Amino acid sequence: MSFQAPWWLLGLLAVVALVALYVVLQLRRKAYAARFTNVALLGTLVPRRPGWRRHLAFGLVALGLAALVVSLAVPSTEVRVPRERATVIMAVDVSLSMQATDIEPSRFEAMQVAAKQFVDVLPERINLGLVSFAGTATTVVTPTTDRGQVRTAIDNLELAESTAIGEAVFTSLTAVENFQSSLDADGEEVPPARIVLLSDGYNTVGRPDTQAVEAALGAGIPVSTIAFGTDYGTLDLDGERVPVPVDRATLEKIADATGGSYSEAASAAELEQVYQDLGSQIGYTTEPRDVSYWFVRGGVLFALLGVVLSLIWTNRLL
């Protein structure tokens, strides 16, 4: 919980001072009673007091006053709300190494399932595009709010040779630029953008990842990366067992350099969780929500209860 006007909390010092004054008065009353030596006569002169109950009544009133003071400081809590607008490009690796079965049923099939879950996590108003890459990178779906189109495209992805991670970033940036240009032409506000790139291998063809990082920085678009697979994946090519480990270092470097987030997934379940977390980070934001009315209601309730109990037990306000 945070406070939008915290200086009002200084008012709690007044409540503390009031409580201190009450305690002092009670102690003085006890001291006076102790000096009155004829206890029997004192009992006939001073009416019986409700004891602890009058302290409870005052405590409720003091608690109510404290709650009202806190309400003046405008307490607020952080709530998660969907982003109004954003553009996200999901770039997925469809190189032959995705056939590896170190992740059941295969890296490729697990990626397809998790990618479609990512589509479902994003709020409806976020424009989502799809880029696939192997030896080259292709914009499969331009940014759109049509989730069915993206899901269908994910189901229709096909594997190919080589891995061009740098080209995937460049193609994603172009997709964002073209989409933003269309918004500019229509006089619409350009929303923020982000690229989410999944790969399981090393950059083997195309422009190097260092150039891709420079381009992303120039466009001001973060690239979040997911290293998908294990170090023990192998691929059967013409009867030969070929190792296909994950290049974590390159993917982490791209994310760190562009201001994105880096994640590792060594199973289908982990990939689903990574996509879900990314969807929450990208698709939602936190905003302060005023909850001062809780304290106003509580303060009034405690104060009224304290006054009513005092009237019932002592026939006095306090």
Protein backbone atom coordinates (compact mmCIF):
# COMPACT_ATOMS: atom_id res chain seq x y z
CA MET A 1 0.00 0.00 0.00
CA SER A 2 1.19 3.52 -0.80
CA PHE A 3 -0.04 7.03 -0.02
CA GLN A 4 -0.59 9.78 -2.57
CA ALA A 5 -0.60 12.52 0.09
CA PRO A 6 1.61 11.06 2.85
CA TRP A 7 2.09 14.36 4.71
CA TRP A 8 -1.43 13.95 6.11
CA LEU A 9 -0.09 11.02 8.15
CA LEU A 10 1.44 13.61 10.46
CA GLY A 11 -2.12 14.01 11.75
CA LEU A 12 -1.65 10.68 13.50
CA LEU A 13 0.58 12.52 15.97
CA ALA A 14 -2.52 14.39 17.15
CA VAL A 15 -4.31 11.08 17.73
CA VAL A 16 -1.29 9.77 19.65
CA ALA A 17 -1.27 12.96 21.74
CA LEU A 18 -4.97 12.50 22.50
CA VAL A 19 -4.38 8.93 23.63
CA ALA A 20 -1.45 10.06 25.78
CA LEU A 21 -3.63 12.75 27.38
CA TYR A 22 -6.31 10.16 28.13
CA VAL A 23 -3.75 7.88 29.79
CA VAL A 24 -2.39 10.76 31.91
CA LEU A 25 -5.91 11.69 33.07
CA GLN A 26 -6.60 8.09 34.02
CA LEU A 27 -3.38 7.87 36.04
CA ARG A 28 -4.16 11.16 37.84
CA ARG A 29 -7.61 9.85 38.70
CA LYS A 30 -6.06 6.71 40.20
CA ALA A 31 -3.57 8.76 42.17
CA TYR A 32 -6.36 10.92 43.59
CA ALA A 33 -8.34 7.84 44.55
CA ALA A 34 -5.31 6.39 46.36
CA ARG A 35 -5.03 9.54 48.54
CA PHE A 36 -8.64 9.17 49.63
CA THR A 37 -8.05 6.91 52.67
CA ASN A 38 -11.68 6.13 53.58
CA VAL A 39 -12.36 3.62 50.78
CA ALA A 40 -15.83 2.75 52.10
CA LEU A 41 -16.87 6.41 52.09
CA LEU A 42 -15.32 6.87 48.60
CA GLY A 43 -17.54 4.09 47.32
CA THR A 44 -20.65 5.94 48.50
CA LEU A 45 -19.55 9.31 47.06
CA VAL A 46 -18.28 8.21 43.65
CA PRO A 47 -20.61 6.17 41.45
CA ARG A 48 -19.38 2.83 40.15
CA ARG A 49 -17.64 3.24 36.79
CA PRO A 50 -17.80 0.69 33.99
CA GLY A 51 -14.05 -0.02 34.34
CA TRP A 52 -12.40 -1.48 31.23
CA ARG A 53 -15.49 -0.81 29.14
CA ARG A 54 -14.97 2.96 29.17
CA HIS A 55 -11.40 2.39 27.98
CA LEU A 56 -12.69 0.20 25.16
CA ALA A 57 -15.13 2.91 24.09
CA PHE A 58 -12.37 5.52 23.99
CA GLY A 59 -10.07 3.10 22.14
CA LEU A 60 -12.68 2.60 19.42
CA VAL A 61 -13.09 6.34 19.00
CA ALA A 62 -9.31 6.84 18.83
CA LEU A 63 -9.04 4.04 16.27
CA GLY A 64 -11.78 5.67 14.22
CA LEU A 65 -9.98 9.03 14.30
CA ALA A 66 -6.73 7.36 13.22
CA ALA A 67 -8.50 5.68 10.28
CA LEU A 68 -10.00 9.02 9.20
CA VAL A 69 -6.57 10.67 9.33
CA VAL A 70 -5.10 7.86 7.20
CA SER A 71 -7.88 8.37 4.66
CA LEU A 72 -6.72 11.98 4.21
CA ALA A 73 -3.34 10.62 3.03
CA VAL A 74 -5.17 8.96 0.10
CA PRO A 75 -4.01 5.35 0.55
CA SER A 76 -3.87 3.31 -2.66
CA THR A 77 -3.07 -0.21 -3.75
CA GLU A 78 -1.57 -1.42 -7.02
CA VAL A 79 -4.05 -3.18 -9.31
CA ARG A 80 -3.37 -4.95 -12.60
CA VAL A 81 -5.21 -3.55 -15.60
CA PRO A 82 -4.98 -4.50 -19.29
CA ARG A 83 -2.96 -2.17 -21.48
CA GLU A 84 -5.12 -0.11 -23.76
CA ARG A 85 -2.82 -0.60 -26.74
CA ALA A 86 0.50 -2.15 -27.69
CA THR A 87 2.14 -3.96 -30.61
CA VAL A 88 3.81 -7.33 -30.06
CA ILE A 89 5.71 -9.38 -32.63
CA MET A 90 6.19 -13.04 -31.77
CA ALA A 91 9.21 -14.41 -33.67
CA VAL A 92 9.51 -18.21 -33.54
CA ASP A 93 12.35 -20.45 -34.65
CA VAL A 94 11.28 -23.08 -37.22
CA SER A 95 14.76 -24.46 -37.97
CA LEU A 96 15.22 -28.23 -38.32
CA SER A 97 16.70 -28.44 -34.81
CA MET A 98 13.16 -27.86 -33.49
CA GLN A 99 12.47 -31.49 -34.43
CA ALA A 100 14.57 -32.61 -31.44
CA THR A 101 12.61 -34.74 -29.00
CA ASP A 102 14.48 -33.84 -25.82
CA ILE A 103 11.22 -32.04 -25.04
CA GLU A 104 8.12 -34.16 -25.56
CA PRO A 105 6.59 -34.64 -28.02
CA SER A 106 9.15 -32.38 -29.77
CA ARG A 107 10.48 -28.87 -29.39
CA PHE A 108 8.41 -27.74 -32.37
CA GLU A 109 5.07 -29.16 -31.21
CA ALA A 110 5.58 -27.93 -27.65
CA MET A 111 6.39 -24.47 -29.01
CA GLN A 112 3.19 -24.40 -31.06
CA VAL A 113 1.04 -25.22 -28.04
CA ALA A 114 2.73 -22.65 -25.81
CA ALA A 115 2.68 -19.96 -28.51
CA LYS A 116 -1.09 -20.33 -28.87
CA GLN A 117 -1.46 -19.99 -25.11
CA PHE A 118 0.54 -16.76 -25.32
CA VAL A 119 -1.97 -15.56 -27.92
CA ASP A 120 -4.78 -16.22 -25.44
CA VAL A 121 -3.03 -14.45 -22.56
CA LEU A 122 -2.67 -11.08 -24.31
CA PRO A 123 -5.57 -8.64 -23.88
CA GLU A 124 -7.82 -8.26 -26.91
CA ARG A 125 -6.76 -4.73 -27.83
CA ILE A 126 -3.09 -5.58 -28.23
CA ASN A 127 -2.00 -6.01 -31.85
CA LEU A 128 -0.09 -9.26 -32.28
CA GLY A 129 2.04 -10.25 -35.29
CA LEU A 130 3.89 -13.48 -36.11
CA VAL A 131 7.33 -13.90 -37.69
CA SER A 132 8.86 -17.30 -38.44
CA PHE A 133 12.53 -17.80 -39.13
CA ALA A 134 14.93 -20.50 -40.23
CA GLY A 135 17.40 -19.68 -43.03
CA THR A 136 15.35 -16.54 -43.68
CA ALA A 137 12.73 -14.66 -41.71
CA THR A 138 9.17 -14.08 -42.90
CA THR A 139 6.28 -12.03 -41.56
CA VAL A 140 3.54 -14.63 -41.40
CA VAL A 141 0.91 -12.38 -39.81
CA THR A 142 1.08 -8.60 -39.67
CA PRO A 143 0.04 -7.06 -36.31
CA THR A 144 -3.65 -7.64 -35.76
CA THR A 145 -6.22 -8.13 -33.03
CA ASP A 146 -7.60 -11.17 -34.90
CA ARG A 147 -6.39 -13.93 -32.58
CA GLY A 148 -7.87 -16.68 -34.74
CA GLN A 149 -5.64 -15.64 -37.64
CA VAL A 150 -2.52 -15.90 -35.48
CA ARG A 151 -3.50 -19.30 -34.05
CA THR A 152 -4.13 -20.69 -37.53
CA ALA A 153 -0.76 -19.39 -38.71
CA ILE A 154 0.99 -21.09 -35.76
CA ASP A 155 -0.65 -24.40 -36.65
CA ASN A 156 0.54 -24.06 -40.26
CA LEU A 157 4.21 -23.36 -39.49
CA GLU A 158 6.72 -25.58 -41.30
CA LEU A 159 10.34 -26.44 -40.52
CA ALA A 160 13.27 -25.40 -42.69
CA GLU A 161 17.07 -25.40 -42.66
CA SER A 162 19.45 -22.98 -40.85
CA THR A 163 18.83 -20.35 -38.17
CA ALA A 164 18.81 -16.61 -38.83
CA ILE A 165 18.24 -14.95 -35.46
CA GLY A 166 19.53 -11.58 -36.62
CA GLU A 167 17.20 -11.61 -39.62
CA ALA A 168 14.30 -12.48 -37.32
CA VAL A 169 14.88 -9.29 -35.33
CA PHE A 170 15.22 -7.17 -38.47
CA THR A 171 12.04 -8.61 -39.99
CA SER A 172 10.15 -8.07 -36.72
CA LEU A 173 11.31 -4.45 -36.60
CA THR A 174 10.13 -3.94 -40.18
CA ALA A 175 6.73 -5.40 -39.31
CA VAL A 176 6.42 -2.97 -36.42
CA GLU A 177 7.57 -0.02 -38.52
CA ASN A 178 5.09 -0.77 -41.32
CA PHE A 179 2.25 -1.14 -38.84
CA GLN A 180 3.12 2.08 -37.05
CA SER A 181 3.35 3.89 -40.39
CA SER A 182 -0.20 2.81 -41.19
CA LEU A 183 -1.37 4.19 -37.86
CA ASP A 184 0.41 7.49 -38.52
CA ALA A 185 -1.32 7.74 -41.88
CA ASP A 186 -4.69 7.35 -40.16
CA GLY A 187 -3.78 9.94 -37.54
CA GLU A 188 -3.81 7.39 -34.70
CA GLU A 189 -1.46 7.41 -31.74
CA VAL A 190 1.45 4.99 -32.16
CA PRO A 191 1.42 2.40 -29.33
CA PRO A 192 4.57 0.97 -27.70
CA ALA A 193 6.02 -2.20 -29.23
CA ARG A 194 7.97 -5.25 -28.17
CA ILE A 195 9.43 -8.32 -29.84
CA VAL A 196 9.27 -11.77 -28.23
CA LEU A 197 11.80 -14.12 -29.87
CA LEU A 198 12.04 -17.86 -29.26
CA SER A 199 14.97 -19.92 -30.53
CA ASP A 200 16.77 -23.14 -29.74
CA GLY A 201 19.95 -22.76 -31.76
CA TYR A 202 22.89 -20.71 -32.91
CA ASN A 203 22.73 -17.94 -35.50
CA THR A 204 24.11 -19.62 -38.64
CA VAL A 205 23.12 -17.34 -41.54
CA GLY A 206 22.12 -13.76 -42.23
CA ARG A 207 23.12 -10.57 -40.47
CA PRO A 208 24.81 -10.97 -37.07
CA ASP A 209 22.93 -10.47 -33.84
CA THR A 210 25.09 -7.42 -33.01
CA GLN A 211 23.58 -5.53 -35.95
CA ALA A 212 20.11 -6.64 -34.89
CA VAL A 213 20.72 -5.27 -31.40
CA GLU A 214 21.81 -1.92 -32.81
CA ALA A 215 18.70 -1.76 -34.99
CA ALA A 216 16.41 -2.59 -32.06
CA LEU A 217 18.08 0.05 -29.90
CA GLY A 218 17.70 2.61 -32.68
CA ALA A 219 13.99 1.83 -32.94
CA GLY A 220 13.58 1.84 -29.15
CA ILE A 221 11.96 -1.61 -29.19
CA PRO A 222 12.93 -4.16 -26.49
CA VAL A 223 13.52 -7.76 -27.58
CA SER A 224 12.56 -10.40 -25.02
CA THR A 225 14.14 -13.77 -25.74
CA ILE A 226 13.37 -17.35 -24.78
CA ALA A 227 16.06 -20.05 -24.97
CA PHE A 228 14.04 -23.20 -25.61
CA GLY A 229 15.49 -26.69 -25.31
CA THR A 230 18.19 -28.57 -23.43
CA ASP A 231 21.92 -29.08 -23.86
CA TYR A 232 21.28 -32.74 -24.70
CA GLY A 233 19.03 -32.36 -27.73
CA THR A 234 20.05 -34.29 -30.83
CA LEU A 235 18.81 -34.48 -34.39
CA ASP A 236 18.94 -37.47 -36.75
CA LEU A 237 20.23 -36.23 -40.13
CA ASP A 238 20.80 -38.92 -42.76
CA GLY A 239 21.38 -41.51 -40.09
CA GLU A 240 23.84 -39.34 -38.19
CA ARG A 241 23.17 -38.12 -34.67
CA VAL A 242 23.81 -34.34 -34.58
CA PRO A 243 23.79 -32.43 -31.27
CA VAL A 244 21.56 -29.34 -31.20
CA PRO A 245 22.23 -27.49 -27.92
CA VAL A 246 20.73 -24.11 -27.07
CA ASP A 247 22.72 -20.90 -27.59
CA ARG A 248 21.77 -19.21 -24.32
CA ALA A 249 24.58 -16.65 -24.39
CA THR A 250 23.46 -14.98 -27.63
CA LEU A 251 19.80 -14.83 -26.64
CA GLU A 252 20.60 -13.42 -23.22
CA LYS A 253 22.88 -10.80 -24.76
CA ILE A 254 20.15 -9.65 -27.15
CA ALA A 255 17.63 -9.29 -24.34
CA ASP A 256 20.00 -7.50 -21.97
CA ALA A 257 21.26 -5.09 -24.64
CA THR A 258 17.80 -4.07 -25.85
CA GLY A 259 16.09 -3.81 -22.47
CA GLY A 260 14.01 -6.95 -22.87
CA SER A 261 13.76 -9.96 -20.58
CA TYR A 262 15.57 -13.27 -20.97
CA SER A 263 14.08 -16.64 -20.05
CA GLU A 264 15.05 -20.28 -20.32
CA ALA A 265 12.66 -23.15 -20.89
CA ALA A 266 13.81 -26.76 -20.79
CA SER A 267 10.37 -28.37 -20.93
CA ALA A 268 6.94 -27.77 -22.41
CA ALA A 269 5.57 -26.77 -19.01
CA GLU A 270 8.36 -24.24 -18.46
CA LEU A 271 7.79 -22.73 -21.90
CA GLU A 272 4.09 -22.33 -21.18
CA GLN A 273 4.92 -20.56 -17.91
CA VAL A 274 7.45 -18.26 -19.62
CA TYR A 275 4.91 -17.27 -22.25
CA GLN A 276 2.28 -16.68 -19.59
CA ASP A 277 4.65 -14.47 -17.59
CA LEU A 278 5.61 -12.50 -20.69
CA GLY A 279 1.97 -12.06 -21.58
CA SER A 280 1.31 -10.59 -18.14
CA GLN A 281 4.32 -8.27 -18.36
CA ILE A 282 3.47 -7.01 -21.83
CA GLY A 283 -0.31 -7.07 -21.77
CA TYR A 284 -0.94 -5.64 -18.34
CA THR A 285 0.28 -2.76 -16.25
CA THR A 286 -0.20 -1.75 -12.62
CA GLU A 287 -1.99 1.41 -11.62
CA PRO A 288 -2.70 2.90 -8.18
CA ARG A 289 -6.30 2.60 -7.04
CA ASP A 290 -7.61 4.90 -4.32
CA VAL A 291 -8.85 2.91 -1.29
CA SER A 292 -9.32 5.84 1.09
CA TYR A 293 -13.05 5.11 1.21
CA TRP A 294 -12.25 1.90 3.14
CA PHE A 295 -10.63 3.98 5.88
CA VAL A 296 -13.42 6.57 5.88
CA ARG A 297 -16.04 3.89 6.37
CA GLY A 298 -13.98 2.09 9.00
CA GLY A 299 -13.19 5.33 10.81
CA VAL A 300 -16.81 6.45 10.97
CA LEU A 301 -17.91 2.97 12.05
CA PHE A 302 -15.36 2.71 14.89
CA ALA A 303 -16.04 6.25 16.11
CA LEU A 304 -19.82 5.77 16.15
CA LEU A 305 -19.48 2.41 17.89
CA GLY A 306 -17.24 3.92 20.55
CA VAL A 307 -19.66 6.80 21.18
CA VAL A 308 -22.70 4.50 21.35
CA LEU A 309 -21.00 2.13 23.79
CA SER A 310 -19.89 5.06 25.94
CA LEU A 311 -23.46 6.38 26.11
CA ILE A 312 -24.80 2.95 27.01
CA TRP A 313 -22.19 2.17 29.66
CA THR A 314 -21.57 5.63 31.19
CA ASN A 315 -24.41 7.88 30.02
CA ARG A 316 -21.66 10.16 28.69
CA LEU A 317 -20.16 10.66 25.28
CA LEU A 318 -16.77 9.52 26.57
